[in-house]
Amino acid sequence: IKQAMKLLEVKLKEALYTNQLEISEYGNIYFQTACELANEGILNGCLKIDNKEDINKFNSEHLKKIISNIAECDMKARQLLKQDFPDEDENEPPLNDIIIYPDGSFSIGYDTGESAAGQLYLYVNYSGNFERNEELIYEAY
């Protein structure tokens, strides 16, 4: 995970410094690492901004802190997943997304696969101080 996060950091810095940013219709800038996570897939990264001025709020030092704490955050998120889904394997589902917000908070997401509502993702939110929110976020696409 740390290797993919470091690659994400490099891609993000490159885009910020070269001002080659594309903002989607939803106000997101997406970066996808080319690093596979133990054959589980690709870690997608997103810096969530509403406009290019929000880029100035982004703190790359905080990204480094997220990188160094991502394994612990993943473990704590999986504990929360285990509470809601006690029969599931603790190593499933695979970590799939990290979304970073200008205020330093972030979400990590897991692809749980196909559901009746579509592809289901579960997200666990963290504050800028690495405090885990106790509520899972469900998103279907």
N, C-alpha and C. Protein backbone atom coordinates (compact mmCIF):
# COMPACT_ATOMS: atom_id res chain seq x y z
N ILE A 1 0.84 -1.19 0.00
CA ILE A 1 0.00 0.00 0.00
C ILE A 1 0.88 1.25 0.00
N LYS A 2 1.93 1.24 0.82
CA LYS A 2 2.78 2.44 0.89
C LYS A 2 3.44 2.74 -0.45
N GLN A 3 3.82 1.69 -1.19
CA GLN A 3 4.45 1.91 -2.50
C GLN A 3 3.46 2.60 -3.44
N ALA A 4 2.22 2.16 -3.44
CA ALA A 4 1.21 2.78 -4.29
C ALA A 4 0.95 4.21 -3.85
N MET A 5 0.92 4.45 -2.54
CA MET A 5 0.69 5.79 -2.02
C MET A 5 1.84 6.73 -2.40
N LYS A 6 3.06 6.23 -2.35
CA LYS A 6 4.20 7.07 -2.74
C LYS A 6 4.13 7.43 -4.22
N LEU A 7 3.72 6.48 -5.04
CA LEU A 7 3.55 6.76 -6.46
C LEU A 7 2.44 7.79 -6.67
N LEU A 8 1.37 7.66 -5.90
CA LEU A 8 0.29 8.64 -5.95
C LEU A 8 0.81 10.04 -5.60
N GLU A 9 1.64 10.12 -4.57
CA GLU A 9 2.21 11.41 -4.16
C GLU A 9 3.04 12.02 -5.29
N VAL A 10 3.85 11.22 -5.95
CA VAL A 10 4.69 11.71 -7.05
C VAL A 10 3.81 12.24 -8.18
N LYS A 11 2.79 11.48 -8.56
CA LYS A 11 1.90 11.92 -9.64
C LYS A 11 1.16 13.20 -9.28
N LEU A 12 0.72 13.30 -8.04
CA LEU A 12 0.01 14.48 -7.60
C LEU A 12 0.91 15.71 -7.62
N LYS A 13 2.11 15.58 -7.09
CA LYS A 13 3.05 16.71 -7.09
C LYS A 13 3.39 17.14 -8.51
N GLU A 14 3.60 16.17 -9.38
CA GLU A 14 3.91 16.48 -10.78
C GLU A 14 2.78 17.28 -11.42
N ALA A 15 1.56 16.86 -11.19
CA ALA A 15 0.41 17.56 -11.76
C ALA A 15 0.26 18.95 -11.16
N LEU A 16 0.50 19.07 -9.85
CA LEU A 16 0.38 20.38 -9.20
C LEU A 16 1.44 21.35 -9.72
N TYR A 17 2.68 20.88 -9.83
CA TYR A 17 3.77 21.77 -10.23
C TYR A 17 3.75 22.13 -11.70
N THR A 18 3.22 21.25 -12.54
CA THR A 18 3.18 21.54 -13.97
C THR A 18 1.84 22.17 -14.38
N ASN A 19 0.95 22.32 -13.40
CA ASN A 19 -0.36 22.92 -13.61
C ASN A 19 -1.13 22.19 -14.72
N GLN A 20 -0.97 20.89 -14.77
CA GLN A 20 -1.69 20.07 -15.75
C GLN A 20 -2.82 19.34 -15.04
N LEU A 21 -3.75 20.12 -14.53
CA LEU A 21 -4.84 19.54 -13.77
C LEU A 21 -6.12 19.58 -14.58
N GLU A 22 -6.81 18.49 -14.57
CA GLU A 22 -8.11 18.43 -15.21
C GLU A 22 -9.14 18.17 -14.14
N ILE A 23 -10.16 19.01 -14.11
CA ILE A 23 -11.20 18.87 -13.11
C ILE A 23 -12.42 18.24 -13.78
N SER A 24 -12.89 17.16 -13.20
CA SER A 24 -14.06 16.48 -13.76
C SER A 24 -15.31 17.31 -13.49
N GLU A 25 -16.40 16.88 -14.10
CA GLU A 25 -17.67 17.59 -13.90
C GLU A 25 -18.12 17.53 -12.44
N TYR A 26 -17.55 16.62 -11.65
CA TYR A 26 -17.92 16.49 -10.25
C TYR A 26 -16.98 17.27 -9.33
N GLY A 27 -15.98 17.95 -9.92
CA GLY A 27 -15.05 18.72 -9.11
C GLY A 27 -13.93 17.90 -8.52
N ASN A 28 -13.60 16.78 -9.14
CA ASN A 28 -12.54 15.91 -8.63
C ASN A 28 -11.35 15.90 -9.57
N ILE A 29 -10.18 15.72 -9.00
CA ILE A 29 -8.99 15.44 -9.79
C ILE A 29 -8.60 14.01 -9.44
N TYR A 30 -8.54 13.16 -10.43
CA TYR A 30 -8.21 11.76 -10.18
C TYR A 30 -6.79 11.44 -10.60
N PHE A 31 -6.15 10.64 -9.79
CA PHE A 31 -4.83 10.10 -10.10
C PHE A 31 -4.92 8.61 -9.85
N GLN A 32 -4.49 7.82 -10.80
CA GLN A 32 -4.50 6.38 -10.61
C GLN A 32 -3.08 5.87 -10.65
N THR A 33 -2.70 5.16 -9.62
CA THR A 33 -1.36 4.60 -9.61
C THR A 33 -1.32 3.39 -10.54
N ALA A 34 -0.13 3.09 -11.01
CA ALA A 34 0.06 1.91 -11.84
C ALA A 34 0.57 0.76 -11.00
N CYS A 35 0.47 0.90 -9.70
CA CYS A 35 1.02 -0.10 -8.78
C CYS A 35 -0.08 -1.04 -8.31
N GLU A 36 0.13 -2.32 -8.54
CA GLU A 36 -0.84 -3.30 -8.07
C GLU A 36 -0.60 -3.57 -6.59
N LEU A 37 -1.67 -3.81 -5.88
CA LEU A 37 -1.60 -4.09 -4.45
C LEU A 37 -1.72 -5.59 -4.23
N ALA A 38 -0.61 -6.27 -4.19
CA ALA A 38 -0.58 -7.71 -3.92
C ALA A 38 -1.62 -8.46 -4.75
N ASN A 39 -1.64 -8.15 -6.03
CA ASN A 39 -2.56 -8.78 -6.99
C ASN A 39 -4.03 -8.56 -6.66
N GLU A 40 -4.32 -7.53 -5.85
CA GLU A 40 -5.71 -7.24 -5.49
C GLU A 40 -6.31 -6.17 -6.38
N GLY A 41 -5.52 -5.53 -7.19
CA GLY A 41 -6.05 -4.49 -8.05
C GLY A 41 -5.23 -3.22 -7.97
N ILE A 42 -5.83 -2.13 -8.36
CA ILE A 42 -5.16 -0.85 -8.44
C ILE A 42 -5.70 0.07 -7.35
N LEU A 43 -4.81 0.81 -6.71
CA LEU A 43 -5.23 1.82 -5.75
C LEU A 43 -5.47 3.12 -6.50
N ASN A 44 -6.70 3.62 -6.45
CA ASN A 44 -7.07 4.88 -7.09
C ASN A 44 -6.95 6.00 -6.07
N GLY A 45 -6.45 7.12 -6.52
CA GLY A 45 -6.34 8.27 -5.64
C GLY A 45 -7.07 9.46 -6.22
N CYS A 46 -7.69 10.24 -5.36
CA CYS A 46 -8.45 11.39 -5.80
C CYS A 46 -8.22 12.54 -4.84
N LEU A 47 -7.90 13.69 -5.38
CA LEU A 47 -7.87 14.91 -4.59
C LEU A 47 -9.19 15.60 -4.87
N LYS A 48 -10.03 15.72 -3.88
CA LYS A 48 -11.38 16.28 -4.06
C LYS A 48 -11.32 17.79 -3.88
N ILE A 49 -11.52 18.49 -4.99
CA ILE A 49 -11.54 19.95 -4.93
C ILE A 49 -12.76 20.45 -5.69
N ASP A 50 -13.19 21.64 -5.33
CA ASP A 50 -14.33 22.24 -6.02
C ASP A 50 -13.87 23.20 -7.12
N ASN A 51 -12.69 23.75 -6.97
CA ASN A 51 -12.15 24.66 -7.98
C ASN A 51 -10.63 24.70 -7.85
N LYS A 52 -9.98 25.28 -8.82
CA LYS A 52 -8.51 25.27 -8.82
C LYS A 52 -7.92 26.06 -7.64
N GLU A 53 -8.68 26.98 -7.07
CA GLU A 53 -8.18 27.73 -5.91
C GLU A 53 -8.00 26.80 -4.70
N ASP A 54 -8.80 25.73 -4.64
CA ASP A 54 -8.68 24.78 -3.53
C ASP A 54 -7.33 24.07 -3.54
N ILE A 55 -6.67 24.04 -4.68
CA ILE A 55 -5.36 23.39 -4.76
C ILE A 55 -4.39 24.07 -3.81
N ASN A 56 -4.51 25.37 -3.63
CA ASN A 56 -3.62 26.09 -2.72
C ASN A 56 -3.80 25.67 -1.27
N LYS A 57 -4.96 25.10 -0.95
CA LYS A 57 -5.22 24.62 0.41
C LYS A 57 -4.57 23.25 0.65
N PHE A 58 -4.23 22.56 -0.45
CA PHE A 58 -3.68 21.22 -0.32
C PHE A 58 -2.30 21.25 0.32
N ASN A 59 -2.07 20.41 1.28
CA ASN A 59 -0.82 20.36 2.01
C ASN A 59 -0.11 19.04 1.70
N SER A 60 0.98 19.11 0.94
CA SER A 60 1.68 17.88 0.57
C SER A 60 2.34 17.21 1.77
N GLU A 61 2.65 17.99 2.83
CA GLU A 61 3.21 17.38 4.04
C GLU A 61 2.17 16.46 4.68
N HIS A 62 0.91 16.87 4.61
CA HIS A 62 -0.14 16.02 5.18
C HIS A 62 -0.28 14.73 4.37
N LEU A 63 -0.08 14.81 3.05
CA LEU A 63 -0.12 13.60 2.23
C LEU A 63 0.96 12.63 2.70
N LYS A 64 2.13 13.14 3.03
CA LYS A 64 3.20 12.27 3.54
C LYS A 64 2.77 11.59 4.84
N LYS A 65 2.05 12.32 5.70
CA LYS A 65 1.56 11.73 6.95
C LYS A 65 0.52 10.64 6.64
N ILE A 66 -0.33 10.90 5.66
CA ILE A 66 -1.32 9.89 5.28
C ILE A 66 -0.60 8.64 4.79
N ILE A 67 0.43 8.83 3.95
CA ILE A 67 1.19 7.69 3.43
C ILE A 67 1.80 6.87 4.56
N SER A 68 2.39 7.56 5.53
CA SER A 68 3.05 6.82 6.61
C SER A 68 2.05 6.17 7.57
N ASN A 69 0.79 6.62 7.55
CA ASN A 69 -0.23 6.06 8.45
C ASN A 69 -1.28 5.22 7.74
N ILE A 70 -1.14 5.02 6.43
CA ILE A 70 -2.20 4.36 5.67
C ILE A 70 -2.42 2.92 6.12
N ALA A 71 -1.39 2.19 6.46
CA ALA A 71 -1.56 0.80 6.89
C ALA A 71 -2.37 0.75 8.19
N GLU A 72 -2.08 1.64 9.12
CA GLU A 72 -2.83 1.68 10.38
C GLU A 72 -4.28 2.10 10.14
N CYS A 73 -4.48 3.09 9.25
CA CYS A 73 -5.84 3.52 8.93
C CYS A 73 -6.63 2.40 8.26
N ASP A 74 -5.97 1.65 7.38
CA ASP A 74 -6.60 0.51 6.72
C ASP A 74 -7.00 -0.53 7.76
N MET A 75 -6.12 -0.80 8.71
CA MET A 75 -6.41 -1.78 9.75
C MET A 75 -7.63 -1.33 10.59
N LYS A 76 -7.66 -0.05 10.97
CA LYS A 76 -8.78 0.46 11.76
C LYS A 76 -10.08 0.45 10.95
N ALA A 77 -9.98 0.75 9.66
CA ALA A 77 -11.16 0.71 8.81
C ALA A 77 -11.68 -0.72 8.70
N ARG A 78 -10.77 -1.67 8.59
CA ARG A 78 -11.18 -3.07 8.48
C ARG A 78 -11.84 -3.55 9.78
N GLN A 79 -11.42 -3.00 10.92
CA GLN A 79 -12.09 -3.33 12.19
C GLN A 79 -13.54 -2.88 12.15
N LEU A 80 -13.77 -1.70 11.60
CA LEU A 80 -15.13 -1.19 11.46
C LEU A 80 -15.94 -2.05 10.49
N LEU A 81 -15.31 -2.44 9.38
CA LEU A 81 -15.98 -3.33 8.42
C LEU A 81 -16.35 -4.65 9.08
N LYS A 82 -15.44 -5.17 9.91
CA LYS A 82 -15.66 -6.45 10.58
C LYS A 82 -16.84 -6.36 11.55
N GLN A 83 -17.02 -5.19 12.18
CA GLN A 83 -18.16 -5.01 13.09
C GLN A 83 -19.48 -5.13 12.32
N ASP A 84 -19.52 -4.53 11.14
CA ASP A 84 -20.76 -4.53 10.35
C ASP A 84 -20.94 -5.81 9.53
N PHE A 85 -19.84 -6.48 9.22
CA PHE A 85 -19.88 -7.70 8.41
C PHE A 85 -19.02 -8.78 9.07
N PRO A 86 -19.48 -9.33 10.22
CA PRO A 86 -18.64 -10.26 10.99
C PRO A 86 -18.31 -11.56 10.28
N ASP A 87 -19.10 -11.96 9.30
CA ASP A 87 -18.85 -13.23 8.61
C ASP A 87 -17.88 -13.10 7.45
N GLU A 88 -17.48 -11.89 7.12
CA GLU A 88 -16.58 -11.68 5.98
C GLU A 88 -15.11 -11.87 6.38
N ASP A 89 -14.30 -12.28 5.41
CA ASP A 89 -12.86 -12.40 5.60
C ASP A 89 -12.29 -11.01 5.90
N GLU A 90 -11.44 -10.92 6.92
CA GLU A 90 -10.92 -9.61 7.33
C GLU A 90 -10.00 -8.98 6.28
N ASN A 91 -9.50 -9.77 5.33
CA ASN A 91 -8.65 -9.22 4.27
C ASN A 91 -9.46 -8.81 3.05
N GLU A 92 -10.74 -9.02 3.09
CA GLU A 92 -11.64 -8.63 2.00
C GLU A 92 -12.54 -7.53 2.52
N PRO A 93 -13.01 -6.67 1.74
CA PRO A 93 -12.70 -6.44 0.33
C PRO A 93 -11.37 -5.71 0.18
N PRO A 94 -10.84 -5.65 -1.04
CA PRO A 94 -9.56 -4.97 -1.25
C PRO A 94 -9.69 -3.45 -1.12
N LEU A 95 -8.65 -2.82 -0.59
CA LEU A 95 -8.57 -1.37 -0.56
C LEU A 95 -8.50 -0.89 -2.00
N ASN A 96 -9.36 0.05 -2.37
CA ASN A 96 -9.46 0.45 -3.76
C ASN A 96 -9.25 1.94 -3.98
N ASP A 97 -9.70 2.77 -3.03
CA ASP A 97 -9.67 4.22 -3.23
C ASP A 97 -9.14 4.95 -2.01
N ILE A 98 -8.53 6.08 -2.29
CA ILE A 98 -8.25 7.06 -1.25
C ILE A 98 -8.64 8.42 -1.81
N ILE A 99 -9.45 9.13 -1.05
CA ILE A 99 -9.93 10.45 -1.45
C ILE A 99 -9.43 11.44 -0.42
N ILE A 100 -8.71 12.45 -0.88
CA ILE A 100 -8.12 13.44 0.03
C ILE A 100 -8.79 14.78 -0.21
N TYR A 101 -9.18 15.42 0.89
CA TYR A 101 -9.89 16.70 0.83
C TYR A 101 -8.95 17.83 1.24
N PRO A 102 -9.19 19.06 0.76
CA PRO A 102 -8.29 20.18 1.06
C PRO A 102 -8.10 20.46 2.54
N ASP A 103 -9.08 20.10 3.38
CA ASP A 103 -8.95 20.36 4.82
C ASP A 103 -8.09 19.33 5.54
N GLY A 104 -7.57 18.34 4.80
CA GLY A 104 -6.70 17.33 5.41
C GLY A 104 -7.43 16.04 5.75
N SER A 105 -8.75 16.06 5.72
CA SER A 105 -9.49 14.82 5.97
C SER A 105 -9.38 13.92 4.73
N PHE A 106 -9.70 12.66 4.91
CA PHE A 106 -9.62 11.74 3.79
C PHE A 106 -10.54 10.55 4.03
N SER A 107 -10.82 9.84 2.96
CA SER A 107 -11.64 8.63 3.01
C SER A 107 -10.87 7.51 2.33
N ILE A 108 -11.01 6.32 2.87
CA ILE A 108 -10.47 5.16 2.17
C ILE A 108 -11.65 4.27 1.82
N GLY A 109 -11.59 3.70 0.62
CA GLY A 109 -12.72 2.96 0.10
C GLY A 109 -12.37 1.55 -0.32
N TYR A 110 -13.38 0.71 -0.24
CA TYR A 110 -13.23 -0.71 -0.53
C TYR A 110 -14.28 -1.12 -1.55
N ASP A 111 -13.85 -1.84 -2.57
CA ASP A 111 -14.74 -2.36 -3.61
C ASP A 111 -15.28 -3.69 -3.13
N THR A 112 -16.57 -3.73 -2.79
CA THR A 112 -17.16 -4.96 -2.27
C THR A 112 -17.75 -5.84 -3.36
N GLY A 113 -17.75 -5.34 -4.59
CA GLY A 113 -18.26 -6.13 -5.70
C GLY A 113 -19.67 -5.75 -6.09
N GLU A 114 -20.24 -6.60 -6.88
CA GLU A 114 -21.57 -6.35 -7.44
C GLU A 114 -22.64 -6.59 -6.38
N SER A 115 -23.63 -5.71 -6.38
CA SER A 115 -24.79 -5.85 -5.49
C SER A 115 -26.05 -5.63 -6.33
N ALA A 116 -27.20 -5.77 -5.72
CA ALA A 116 -28.46 -5.55 -6.44
C ALA A 116 -28.56 -4.11 -6.94
N ALA A 117 -27.90 -3.18 -6.23
CA ALA A 117 -27.94 -1.76 -6.61
C ALA A 117 -26.83 -1.37 -7.59
N GLY A 118 -25.93 -2.28 -7.90
CA GLY A 118 -24.78 -1.98 -8.76
C GLY A 118 -23.49 -2.28 -8.04
N GLN A 119 -22.37 -1.76 -8.57
CA GLN A 119 -21.07 -1.97 -7.94
C GLN A 119 -21.06 -1.22 -6.61
N LEU A 120 -20.80 -1.94 -5.51
CA LEU A 120 -20.89 -1.35 -4.17
C LEU A 120 -19.51 -1.06 -3.60
N TYR A 121 -19.35 0.16 -3.11
CA TYR A 121 -18.12 0.59 -2.44
C TYR A 121 -18.46 1.02 -1.02
N LEU A 122 -17.59 0.69 -0.08
CA LEU A 122 -17.72 1.13 1.30
C LEU A 122 -16.57 2.07 1.61
N TYR A 123 -16.89 3.21 2.24
CA TYR A 123 -15.88 4.20 2.58
C TYR A 123 -15.84 4.44 4.08
N VAL A 124 -14.64 4.64 4.58
CA VAL A 124 -14.43 5.02 5.97
C VAL A 124 -13.74 6.37 5.96
N ASN A 125 -14.33 7.33 6.66
CA ASN A 125 -13.80 8.69 6.69
C ASN A 125 -12.88 8.89 7.88
N TYR A 126 -11.83 9.71 7.64
CA TYR A 126 -10.89 10.10 8.69
C TYR A 126 -10.76 11.61 8.71
N SER A 127 -10.61 12.15 9.91
CA SER A 127 -10.36 13.59 10.04
C SER A 127 -8.91 13.87 9.68
N GLY A 128 -8.56 15.13 9.60
CA GLY A 128 -7.17 15.51 9.36
C GLY A 128 -6.24 15.09 10.48
N ASN A 129 -6.82 14.75 11.64
CA ASN A 129 -6.04 14.27 12.79
C ASN A 129 -6.05 12.75 12.89
N PHE A 130 -6.48 12.08 11.81
CA PHE A 130 -6.49 10.62 11.71
C PHE A 130 -7.49 9.97 12.66
N GLU A 131 -8.54 10.70 13.01
CA GLU A 131 -9.61 10.12 13.82
C GLU A 131 -10.64 9.50 12.89
N ARG A 132 -10.93 8.23 13.14
CA ARG A 132 -11.86 7.49 12.29
C ARG A 132 -13.30 7.82 12.64
N ASN A 133 -14.10 8.06 11.61
CA ASN A 133 -15.54 8.21 11.78
C ASN A 133 -16.11 6.81 11.95
N GLU A 134 -17.04 6.64 12.85
CA GLU A 134 -17.58 5.31 13.16
C GLU A 134 -18.69 4.87 12.21
N GLU A 135 -19.01 5.69 11.23
CA GLU A 135 -20.10 5.36 10.31
C GLU A 135 -19.55 5.01 8.93
N LEU A 136 -19.97 3.86 8.42
CA LEU A 136 -19.59 3.47 7.06
C LEU A 136 -20.43 4.25 6.05
N ILE A 137 -19.80 4.61 4.93
CA ILE A 137 -20.49 5.27 3.82
C ILE A 137 -20.65 4.22 2.71
N TYR A 138 -21.87 4.06 2.24
CA TYR A 138 -22.17 3.10 1.17
C TYR A 138 -22.41 3.88 -0.12
N GLU A 139 -21.76 3.46 -1.20
CA GLU A 139 -21.99 4.08 -2.51
C GLU A 139 -22.12 2.97 -3.55
N ALA A 140 -23.11 3.09 -4.38
CA ALA A 140 -23.33 2.11 -5.46
C ALA A 140 -23.29 2.85 -6.79
N TYR A 141 -22.63 2.22 -7.78
CA TYR A 141 -22.51 2.81 -9.11
C TYR A 141 -22.97 1.81 -10.16
